Amino acid sequence: MAPKKIGAGGDSNILAKISKSDIVSQGRRTACNAVYVSKKLLRSTGKAAWLAGTTFLILVVPLIIEMERDQQLGEVEFQQASLLGTPPAGALNYM
């Protein structure tokens, strides 16, 4: 008969008891709950970022485009005035 190994059979039995203990199962539940909450938080954060980005595009970008258009109009008027000559000072008041 072969001699028994001291650590072989006993270790797996101890590991099975530890893995089935209440504290380990409570730790697993807590870890699963943390993962669930983290996923929900990331999802809602992503939605909030998408909403903020979309709102920025809808509200701010048209204002920037309008400002650029006004600046270009001012430059065109300045170029026309310099080509045609500056109007008399009183002419601006009648327009």
PDB file of N, CA and C in Angstrom:
ATOM      1  N   MET A   1       0.828  -1.175   0.000  1.00  0.00           N
ATOM      2  CA  MET A   1       0.000   0.000   0.000  1.00  0.00           C
ATOM      3  C   MET A   1       0.884   1.254   0.000  1.00  0.00           C
ATOM      4  N   ALA A   2       0.539   2.222  -0.833  1.00  0.00           N
ATOM      5  CA  ALA A   2       1.343   3.426  -0.971  1.00  0.00           C
ATOM      6  C   ALA A   2       1.068   4.359   0.203  1.00  0.00           C
ATOM      7  N   PRO A   3       2.092   5.087   0.636  1.00  0.00           N
ATOM      8  CA  PRO A   3       1.882   6.015   1.754  1.00  0.00           C
ATOM      9  C   PRO A   3       1.013   7.197   1.316  1.00  0.00           C
ATOM     10  N   LYS A   4       0.206   7.722   2.236  1.00  0.00           N
ATOM     11  CA  LYS A   4      -0.662   8.873   1.959  1.00  0.00           C
ATOM     12  C   LYS A   4       0.153  10.150   1.916  1.00  0.00           C
ATOM     13  N   LYS A   5      -0.180  11.011   0.953  1.00  0.00           N
ATOM     14  CA  LYS A   5       0.453  12.319   0.913  1.00  0.00           C
ATOM     15  C   LYS A   5      -0.316  13.220   1.878  1.00  0.00           C
ATOM     16  N   ILE A   6       0.389  13.983   2.628  1.00  0.00           N
ATOM     17  CA  ILE A   6      -0.232  14.771   3.689  1.00  0.00           C
ATOM     18  C   ILE A   6      -1.044  15.943   3.115  1.00  0.00           C
ATOM     19  N   GLY A   7      -0.507  16.665   2.141  1.00  0.00           N
ATOM     20  CA  GLY A   7      -1.167  17.874   1.682  1.00  0.00           C
ATOM     21  C   GLY A   7      -2.126  17.681   0.537  1.00  0.00           C
ATOM     22  N   ALA A   8      -2.164  16.569  -0.140  1.00  0.00           N
ATOM     23  CA  ALA A   8      -2.923  16.438  -1.372  1.00  0.00           C
ATOM     24  C   ALA A   8      -4.422  16.423  -1.142  1.00  0.00           C
ATOM     25  N   GLY A   9      -4.942  15.480  -0.409  1.00  0.00           N
ATOM     26  CA  GLY A   9      -6.386  15.371  -0.242  1.00  0.00           C
ATOM     27  C   GLY A   9      -6.947  16.409   0.698  1.00  0.00           C
ATOM     28  N   GLY A  10      -6.201  16.781   1.693  1.00  0.00           N
ATOM     29  CA  GLY A  10      -6.678  17.735   2.683  1.00  0.00           C
ATOM     30  C   GLY A  10      -6.836  19.121   2.140  1.00  0.00           C
ATOM     31  N   ASP A  11      -5.974  19.551   1.223  1.00  0.00           N
ATOM     32  CA  ASP A  11      -6.039  20.908   0.678  1.00  0.00           C
ATOM     33  C   ASP A  11      -7.320  21.131  -0.114  1.00  0.00           C
ATOM     34  N   SER A  12      -7.700  20.192  -0.947  1.00  0.00           N
ATOM     35  CA  SER A  12      -8.903  20.380  -1.750  1.00  0.00           C
ATOM     36  C   SER A  12     -10.141  20.393  -0.865  1.00  0.00           C
ATOM     37  N   ASN A  13     -10.140  19.617   0.189  1.00  0.00           N
ATOM     38  CA  ASN A  13     -11.264  19.606   1.115  1.00  0.00           C
ATOM     39  C   ASN A  13     -11.362  20.947   1.841  1.00  0.00           C
ATOM     40  N   ILE A  14     -10.239  21.485   2.255  1.00  0.00           N
ATOM     41  CA  ILE A  14     -10.235  22.783   2.943  1.00  0.00           C
ATOM     42  C   ILE A  14     -10.682  23.879   1.986  1.00  0.00           C
ATOM     43  N   LEU A  15     -10.189  23.861   0.743  1.00  0.00           N
ATOM     44  CA  LEU A  15     -10.595  24.866  -0.244  1.00  0.00           C
ATOM     45  C   LEU A  15     -12.083  24.794  -0.530  1.00  0.00           C
ATOM     46  N   ALA A  16     -12.636  23.593  -0.589  1.00  0.00           N
ATOM     47  CA  ALA A  16     -14.070  23.441  -0.826  1.00  0.00           C
ATOM     48  C   ALA A  16     -14.862  24.031   0.335  1.00  0.00           C
ATOM     49  N   LYS A  17     -14.411  23.793   1.552  1.00  0.00           N
ATOM     50  CA  LYS A  17     -15.101  24.347   2.724  1.00  0.00           C
ATOM     51  C   LYS A  17     -15.022  25.872   2.733  1.00  0.00           C
ATOM     52  N   ILE A  18     -13.841  26.398   2.394  1.00  0.00           N
ATOM     53  CA  ILE A  18     -13.679  27.860   2.396  1.00  0.00           C
ATOM     54  C   ILE A  18     -14.530  28.498   1.308  1.00  0.00           C
ATOM     55  N   SER A  19     -14.551  27.900   0.115  1.00  0.00           N
ATOM     56  CA  SER A  19     -15.304  28.503  -0.983  1.00  0.00           C
ATOM     57  C   SER A  19     -16.808  28.432  -0.757  1.00  0.00           C
ATOM     58  N   LYS A  20     -17.257  27.525   0.090  1.00  0.00           N
ATOM     59  CA  LYS A  20     -18.686  27.424   0.392  1.00  0.00           C
ATOM     60  C   LYS A  20     -19.067  28.181   1.659  1.00  0.00           C
ATOM     61  N   SER A  21     -18.126  28.850   2.283  1.00  0.00           N
ATOM     62  CA  SER A  21     -18.430  29.538   3.533  1.00  0.00           C
ATOM     63  C   SER A  21     -19.278  30.777   3.269  1.00  0.00           C
ATOM     64  N   ASP A  22     -19.928  31.236   4.333  1.00  0.00           N
ATOM     65  CA  ASP A  22     -20.830  32.396   4.220  1.00  0.00           C
ATOM     66  C   ASP A  22     -20.077  33.675   3.847  1.00  0.00           C
ATOM     67  N   ILE A  23     -18.918  33.865   4.422  1.00  0.00           N
ATOM     68  CA  ILE A  23     -18.187  35.108   4.157  1.00  0.00           C
ATOM     69  C   ILE A  23     -17.726  35.180   2.707  1.00  0.00           C
ATOM     70  N   VAL A  24     -17.359  34.052   2.111  1.00  0.00           N
ATOM     71  CA  VAL A  24     -16.942  34.052   0.710  1.00  0.00           C
ATOM     72  C   VAL A  24     -18.143  34.316  -0.192  1.00  0.00           C
ATOM     73  N   SER A  25     -19.276  33.697   0.100  1.00  0.00           N
ATOM     74  CA  SER A  25     -20.461  33.941  -0.737  1.00  0.00           C
ATOM     75  C   SER A  25     -20.953  35.375  -0.578  1.00  0.00           C
ATOM     76  N   GLN A  26     -20.823  35.938   0.615  1.00  0.00           N
ATOM     77  CA  GLN A  26     -21.205  37.346   0.809  1.00  0.00           C
ATOM     78  C   GLN A  26     -20.254  38.256   0.032  1.00  0.00           C
ATOM     79  N   GLY A  27     -18.966  37.926   0.012  1.00  0.00           N
ATOM     80  CA  GLY A  27     -18.004  38.699  -0.766  1.00  0.00           C
ATOM     81  C   GLY A  27     -18.299  38.641  -2.254  1.00  0.00           C
ATOM     82  N   ARG A  28     -18.703  37.467  -2.729  1.00  0.00           N
ATOM     83  CA  ARG A  28     -19.066  37.337  -4.153  1.00  0.00           C
ATOM     84  C   ARG A  28     -20.285  38.185  -4.484  1.00  0.00           C
ATOM     85  N   ARG A  29     -21.296  38.126  -3.607  1.00  0.00           N
ATOM     86  CA  ARG A  29     -22.498  38.947  -3.837  1.00  0.00           C
ATOM     87  C   ARG A  29     -22.142  40.424  -3.857  1.00  0.00           C
ATOM     88  N   THR A  30     -21.296  40.832  -2.932  1.00  0.00           N
ATOM     89  CA  THR A  30     -20.891  42.245  -2.878  1.00  0.00           C
ATOM     90  C   THR A  30     -20.135  42.641  -4.136  1.00  0.00           C
ATOM     91  N   ALA A  31     -19.258  41.769  -4.598  1.00  0.00           N
ATOM     92  CA  ALA A  31     -18.509  42.059  -5.822  1.00  0.00           C
ATOM     93  C   ALA A  31     -19.441  42.146  -7.021  1.00  0.00           C
ATOM     94  N   CYS A  32     -20.406  41.231  -7.110  1.00  0.00           N
ATOM     95  CA  CYS A  32     -21.370  41.272  -8.219  1.00  0.00           C
ATOM     96  C   CYS A  32     -22.200  42.548  -8.182  1.00  0.00           C
ATOM     97  N   ASN A  33     -22.615  42.945  -6.968  1.00  0.00           N
ATOM     98  CA  ASN A  33     -23.383  44.187  -6.835  1.00  0.00           C
ATOM     99  C   ASN A  33     -22.544  45.394  -7.239  1.00  0.00           C
ATOM    100  N   ALA A  34     -21.268  45.389  -6.879  1.00  0.00           N
ATOM    101  CA  ALA A  34     -20.388  46.502  -7.254  1.00  0.00           C
ATOM    102  C   ALA A  34     -20.226  46.578  -8.765  1.00  0.00           C
ATOM    103  N   VAL A  35     -20.096  45.448  -9.414  1.00  0.00           N
ATOM    104  CA  VAL A  35     -19.974  45.426 -10.874  1.00  0.00           C
ATOM    105  C   VAL A  35     -21.262  45.941 -11.510  1.00  0.00           C
ATOM    106  N   TYR A  36     -22.412  45.516 -10.984  1.00  0.00           N
ATOM    107  CA  TYR A  36     -23.711  45.947 -11.518  1.00  0.00           C
ATOM    108  C   TYR A  36     -23.866  47.468 -11.400  1.00  0.00           C
ATOM    109  N   VAL A  37     -23.546  48.002 -10.230  1.00  0.00           N
ATOM    110  CA  VAL A  37     -23.677  49.450 -10.017  1.00  0.00           C
ATOM    111  C   VAL A  37     -22.689  50.205 -10.906  1.00  0.00           C
ATOM    112  N   SER A  38     -21.485  49.678 -11.049  1.00  0.00           N
ATOM    113  CA  SER A  38     -20.487  50.333 -11.900  1.00  0.00           C
ATOM    114  C   SER A  38     -20.944  50.382 -13.348  1.00  0.00           C
ATOM    115  N   LYS A  39     -21.528  49.289 -13.832  1.00  0.00           N
ATOM    116  CA  LYS A  39     -22.024  49.280 -15.214  1.00  0.00           C
ATOM    117  C   LYS A  39     -23.137  50.299 -15.401  1.00  0.00           C
ATOM    118  N   LYS A  40     -24.053  50.362 -14.439  1.00  0.00           N
ATOM    119  CA  LYS A  40     -25.139  51.337 -14.550  1.00  0.00           C
ATOM    120  C   LYS A  40     -24.601  52.767 -14.506  1.00  0.00           C
ATOM    121  N   LEU A  41     -23.609  52.991 -13.648  1.00  0.00           N
ATOM    122  CA  LEU A  41     -23.019  54.329 -13.546  1.00  0.00           C
ATOM    123  C   LEU A  41     -22.329  54.719 -14.843  1.00  0.00           C
ATOM    124  N   LEU A  42     -21.578  53.803 -15.420  1.00  0.00           N
ATOM    125  CA  LEU A  42     -20.910  54.093 -16.694  1.00  0.00           C
ATOM    126  C   LEU A  42     -21.913  54.352 -17.801  1.00  0.00           C
ATOM    127  N   ARG A  43     -22.982  53.564 -17.819  1.00  0.00           N
ATOM    128  CA  ARG A  43     -23.994  53.747 -18.853  1.00  0.00           C
ATOM    129  C   ARG A  43     -24.664  55.111 -18.707  1.00  0.00           C
ATOM    130  N   SER A  44     -25.041  55.493 -17.480  1.00  0.00           N
ATOM    131  CA  SER A  44     -25.706  56.784 -17.295  1.00  0.00           C
ATOM    132  C   SER A  44     -24.745  57.934 -17.546  1.00  0.00           C
ATOM    133  N   THR A  45     -23.465  57.745 -17.202  1.00  0.00           N
ATOM    134  CA  THR A  45     -22.476  58.785 -17.490  1.00  0.00           C
ATOM    135  C   THR A  45     -22.314  58.963 -18.992  1.00  0.00           C
ATOM    136  N   GLY A  46     -22.315  57.853 -19.722  1.00  0.00           N
ATOM    137  CA  GLY A  46     -22.229  57.931 -21.179  1.00  0.00           C
ATOM    138  C   GLY A  46     -23.428  58.645 -21.779  1.00  0.00           C
ATOM    139  N   LYS A  47     -24.603  58.354 -21.237  1.00  0.00           N
ATOM    140  CA  LYS A  47     -25.808  59.029 -21.725  1.00  0.00           C
ATOM    141  C   LYS A  47     -25.738  60.526 -21.438  1.00  0.00           C
ATOM    142  N   ALA A  48     -25.263  60.882 -20.239  1.00  0.00           N
ATOM    143  CA  ALA A  48     -25.158  62.299 -19.885  1.00  0.00           C
ATOM    144  C   ALA A  48     -24.149  63.005 -20.786  1.00  0.00           C
ATOM    145  N   ALA A  49     -23.043  62.342 -21.087  1.00  0.00           N
ATOM    146  CA  ALA A  49     -22.047  62.948 -21.976  1.00  0.00           C
ATOM    147  C   ALA A  49     -22.608  63.128 -23.379  1.00  0.00           C
ATOM    148  N   TRP A  50     -23.351  62.141 -23.860  1.00  0.00           N
ATOM    149  CA  TRP A  50     -23.959  62.250 -25.178  1.00  0.00           C
ATOM    150  C   TRP A  50     -24.948  63.403 -25.198  1.00  0.00           C
ATOM    151  N   LEU A  51     -25.765  63.529 -24.141  1.00  0.00           N
ATOM    152  CA  LEU A  51     -26.754  64.601 -24.064  1.00  0.00           C
ATOM    153  C   LEU A  51     -26.076  65.969 -24.035  1.00  0.00           C
ATOM    154  N   ALA A  52     -25.005  66.092 -23.250  1.00  0.00           N
ATOM    155  CA  ALA A  52     -24.295  67.373 -23.176  1.00  0.00           C
ATOM    156  C   ALA A  52     -23.657  67.726 -24.517  1.00  0.00           C
ATOM    157  N   GLY A  53     -23.072  66.737 -25.177  1.00  0.00           N
ATOM    158  CA  GLY A  53     -22.460  66.995 -26.481  1.00  0.00           C
ATOM    159  C   GLY A  53     -23.474  67.392 -27.526  1.00  0.00           C
ATOM    160  N   THR A  54     -24.603  66.708 -27.533  1.00  0.00           N
ATOM    161  CA  THR A  54     -25.659  67.027 -28.497  1.00  0.00           C
ATOM    162  C   THR A  54     -26.220  68.418 -28.233  1.00  0.00           C
ATOM    163  N   THR A  55     -26.435  68.743 -26.965  1.00  0.00           N
ATOM    164  CA  THR A  55     -26.940  70.073 -26.616  1.00  0.00           C
ATOM    165  C   THR A  55     -25.955  71.146 -27.056  1.00  0.00           C
ATOM    166  N   PHE A  56     -24.669  70.895 -26.861  1.00  0.00           N
ATOM    167  CA  PHE A  56     -23.643  71.847 -27.302  1.00  0.00           C
ATOM    168  C   PHE A  56     -23.728  72.063 -28.801  1.00  0.00           C
ATOM    169  N   LEU A  57     -23.846  70.972 -29.548  1.00  0.00           N
ATOM    170  CA  LEU A  57     -23.915  71.098 -31.009  1.00  0.00           C
ATOM    171  C   LEU A  57     -25.147  71.863 -31.448  1.00  0.00           C
ATOM    172  N   ILE A  58     -26.271  71.612 -30.789  1.00  0.00           N
ATOM    173  CA  ILE A  58     -27.522  72.247 -31.202  1.00  0.00           C
ATOM    174  C   ILE A  58     -27.548  73.726 -30.827  1.00  0.00           C
ATOM    175  N   LEU A  59     -27.017  74.072 -29.643  1.00  0.00           N
ATOM    176  CA  LEU A  59     -27.151  75.449 -29.165  1.00  0.00           C
ATOM    177  C   LEU A  59     -25.964  76.342 -29.512  1.00  0.00           C
ATOM    178  N   VAL A  60     -24.765  75.836 -29.431  1.00  0.00           N
ATOM    179  CA  VAL A  60     -23.586  76.698 -29.528  1.00  0.00           C
ATOM    180  C   VAL A  60     -23.040  76.796 -30.949  1.00  0.00           C
ATOM    181  N   VAL A  61     -23.015  75.714 -31.674  1.00  0.00           N
ATOM    182  CA  VAL A  61     -22.415  75.733 -33.009  1.00  0.00           C
ATOM    183  C   VAL A  61     -23.124  76.718 -33.943  1.00  0.00           C
ATOM    184  N   PRO A  62     -24.455  76.781 -33.971  1.00  0.00           N
ATOM    185  CA  PRO A  62     -25.089  77.810 -34.837  1.00  0.00           C
ATOM    186  C   PRO A  62     -24.695  79.234 -34.457  1.00  0.00           C
ATOM    187  N   LEU A  63     -24.475  79.490 -33.163  1.00  0.00           N
ATOM    188  CA  LEU A  63     -24.043  80.827 -32.751  1.00  0.00           C
ATOM    189  C   LEU A  63     -22.643  81.133 -33.277  1.00  0.00           C
ATOM    190  N   ILE A  64     -21.778  80.145 -33.241  1.00  0.00           N
ATOM    191  CA  ILE A  64     -20.422  80.339 -33.751  1.00  0.00           C
ATOM    192  C   ILE A  64     -20.454  80.595 -35.252  1.00  0.00           C
ATOM    193  N   ILE A  65     -21.280  79.836 -35.954  1.00  0.00           N
ATOM    194  CA  ILE A  65     -21.398  80.020 -37.407  1.00  0.00           C
ATOM    195  C   ILE A  65     -21.929  81.414 -37.723  1.00  0.00           C
ATOM    196  N   GLU A  66     -22.917  81.881 -36.948  1.00  0.00           N
ATOM    197  CA  GLU A  66     -23.483  83.210 -37.175  1.00  0.00           C
ATOM    198  C   GLU A  66     -22.450  84.299 -36.911  1.00  0.00           C
ATOM    199  N   MET A  67     -21.637  84.127 -35.880  1.00  0.00           N
ATOM    200  CA  MET A  67     -20.597  85.111 -35.582  1.00  0.00           C
ATOM    201  C   MET A  67     -19.567  85.165 -36.704  1.00  0.00           C
ATOM    202  N   GLU A  68     -19.194  84.010 -37.226  1.00  0.00           N
ATOM    203  CA  GLU A  68     -18.234  83.983 -38.327  1.00  0.00           C
ATOM    204  C   GLU A  68     -18.821  84.641 -39.572  1.00  0.00           C
ATOM    205  N   ARG A  69     -20.111  84.406 -39.815  1.00  0.00           N
ATOM    206  CA  ARG A  69     -20.761  85.008 -40.981  1.00  0.00           C
ATOM    207  C   ARG A  69     -20.805  86.532 -40.830  1.00  0.00           C
ATOM    208  N   ASP A  70     -21.125  87.028 -39.625  1.00  0.00           N
ATOM    209  CA  ASP A  70     -21.146  88.471 -39.390  1.00  0.00           C
ATOM    210  C   ASP A  70     -19.759  89.074 -39.574  1.00  0.00           C
ATOM    211  N   GLN A  71     -18.734  88.361 -39.116  1.00  0.00           N
ATOM    212  CA  GLN A  71     -17.370  88.854 -39.281  1.00  0.00           C
ATOM    213  C   GLN A  71     -17.001  88.910 -40.763  1.00  0.00           C
ATOM    214  N   GLN A  72     -17.376  87.890 -41.526  1.00  0.00           N
ATOM    215  CA  GLN A  72     -17.082  87.895 -42.956  1.00  0.00           C
ATOM    216  C   GLN A  72     -17.825  89.017 -43.660  1.00  0.00           C
ATOM    217  N   LEU A  73     -19.085  89.258 -43.253  1.00  0.00           N
ATOM    218  CA  LEU A  73     -19.848  90.369 -43.841  1.00  0.00           C
ATOM    219  C   LEU A  73     -19.166  91.695 -43.553  1.00  0.00           C
ATOM    220  N   GLY A  74     -18.693  91.865 -42.327  1.00  0.00           N
ATOM    221  CA  GLY A  74     -17.991  93.098 -41.971  1.00  0.00           C
ATOM    222  C   GLY A  74     -16.736  93.281 -42.795  1.00  0.00           C
ATOM    223  N   GLU A  75     -16.004  92.185 -43.033  1.00  0.00           N
ATOM    224  CA  GLU A  75     -14.794  92.275 -43.859  1.00  0.00           C
ATOM    225  C   GLU A  75     -15.135  92.626 -45.300  1.00  0.00           C
ATOM    226  N   VAL A  76     -16.219  92.068 -45.836  1.00  0.00           N
ATOM    227  CA  VAL A  76     -16.635  92.377 -47.204  1.00  0.00           C
ATOM    228  C   VAL A  76     -17.036  93.842 -47.301  1.00  0.00           C
ATOM    229  N   GLU A  77     -17.786  94.332 -46.321  1.00  0.00           N
ATOM    230  CA  GLU A  77     -18.186  95.744 -46.337  1.00  0.00           C
ATOM    231  C   GLU A  77     -16.964  96.651 -46.254  1.00  0.00           C
ATOM    232  N   PHE A  78     -15.989  96.256 -45.437  1.00  0.00           N
ATOM    233  CA  PHE A  78     -14.764  97.054 -45.313  1.00  0.00           C
ATOM    234  C   PHE A  78     -14.008  97.079 -46.635  1.00  0.00           C
ATOM    235  N   GLN A  79     -13.933  95.933 -47.312  1.00  0.00           N
ATOM    236  CA  GLN A  79     -13.242  95.874 -48.607  1.00  0.00           C
ATOM    237  C   GLN A  79     -13.968  96.728 -49.641  1.00  0.00           C
ATOM    238  N   GLN A  80     -15.309  96.659 -49.646  1.00  0.00           N
ATOM    239  CA  GLN A  80     -16.068  97.469 -50.602  1.00  0.00           C
ATOM    240  C   GLN A  80     -15.890  98.955 -50.328  1.00  0.00           C
ATOM    241  N   ALA A  81     -15.887  99.310 -49.048  1.00  0.00           N
ATOM    242  CA  ALA A  81     -15.708 100.726 -48.701  1.00  0.00           C
ATOM    243  C   ALA A  81     -14.333 101.211 -49.114  1.00  0.00           C
ATOM    244  N   SER A  82     -13.329 100.361 -48.952  1.00  0.00           N
ATOM    245  CA  SER A  82     -11.981 100.796 -49.325  1.00  0.00           C
ATOM    246  C   SER A  82     -11.837 100.880 -50.845  1.00  0.00           C
ATOM    247  N   LEU A  83     -12.559 100.034 -51.593  1.00  0.00           N
ATOM    248  CA  LEU A  83     -12.500 100.098 -53.055  1.00  0.00           C
ATOM    249  C   LEU A  83     -13.271 101.289 -53.603  1.00  0.00           C
ATOM    250  N   LEU A  84     -14.423 101.559 -53.037  1.00  0.00           N
ATOM    251  CA  LEU A  84     -15.282 102.633 -53.533  1.00  0.00           C
ATOM    252  C   LEU A  84     -14.961 103.975 -52.913  1.00  0.00           C
ATOM    253  N   GLY A  85     -14.191 103.962 -51.890  1.00  0.00           N
ATOM    254  CA  GLY A  85     -13.910 105.208 -51.171  1.00  0.00           C
ATOM    255  C   GLY A  85     -14.850 105.308 -49.991  1.00  0.00           C
ATOM    256  N   THR A  86     -14.446 105.965 -48.966  1.00  0.00           N
ATOM    257  CA  THR A  86     -15.280 106.061 -47.770  1.00  0.00           C
ATOM    258  C   THR A  86     -16.394 107.059 -48.011  1.00  0.00           C
ATOM    259  N   PRO A  87     -17.621 106.732 -47.582  1.00  0.00           N
ATOM    260  CA  PRO A  87     -18.732 107.673 -47.755  1.00  0.00           C
ATOM    261  C   PRO A  87     -18.589 108.844 -46.785  1.00  0.00           C
ATOM    262  N   PRO A  88     -19.277 109.939 -47.089  1.00  0.00           N
ATOM    263  CA  PRO A  88     -19.245 111.073 -46.170  1.00  0.00           C
ATOM    264  C   PRO A  88     -19.801 110.682 -44.808  1.00  0.00           C
ATOM    265  N   ALA A  89     -19.416 111.372 -43.763  1.00  0.00           N
ATOM    266  CA  ALA A  89     -19.803 111.021 -42.387  1.00  0.00           C
ATOM    267  C   ALA A  89     -21.324 111.078 -42.206  1.00  0.00           C
ATOM    268  N   GLY A  90     -22.013 112.006 -42.850  1.00  0.00           N
ATOM    269  CA  GLY A  90     -23.455 112.130 -42.690  1.00  0.00           C
ATOM    270  C   GLY A  90     -24.242 111.072 -43.434  1.00  0.00           C
ATOM    271  N   ALA A  91     -23.630 110.409 -44.382  1.00  0.00           N
ATOM    272  CA  ALA A  91     -24.334 109.430 -45.195  1.00  0.00           C
ATOM    273  C   ALA A  91     -24.701 108.191 -44.374  1.00  0.00           C
ATOM    274  N   LEU A  92     -23.912 107.877 -43.385  1.00  0.00           N
ATOM    275  CA  LEU A  92     -24.194 106.710 -42.555  1.00  0.00           C
ATOM    276  C   LEU A  92     -25.448 106.909 -41.705  1.00  0.00           C
ATOM    277  N   ASN A  93     -25.740 108.159 -41.338  1.00  0.00           N
ATOM    278  CA  ASN A  93     -26.894 108.426 -40.476  1.00  0.00           C
ATOM    279  C   ASN A  93     -28.209 108.261 -41.218  1.00  0.00           C
ATOM    280  N   TYR A  94     -28.220 108.444 -42.534  1.00  0.00           N
ATOM    281  CA  TYR A  94     -29.460 108.371 -43.304  1.00  0.00           C
ATOM    282  C   TYR A  94     -29.814 106.955 -43.692  1.00  0.00           C
ATOM    283  N   MET A  95     -28.908 105.996 -43.569  1.00  0.00           N
ATOM    284  CA  MET A  95     -29.180 104.643 -44.013  1.00  0.00           C
ATOM    285  C   MET A  95     -29.959 103.889 -43.023  1.00  0.00           C
TER     286      MET A  95
END
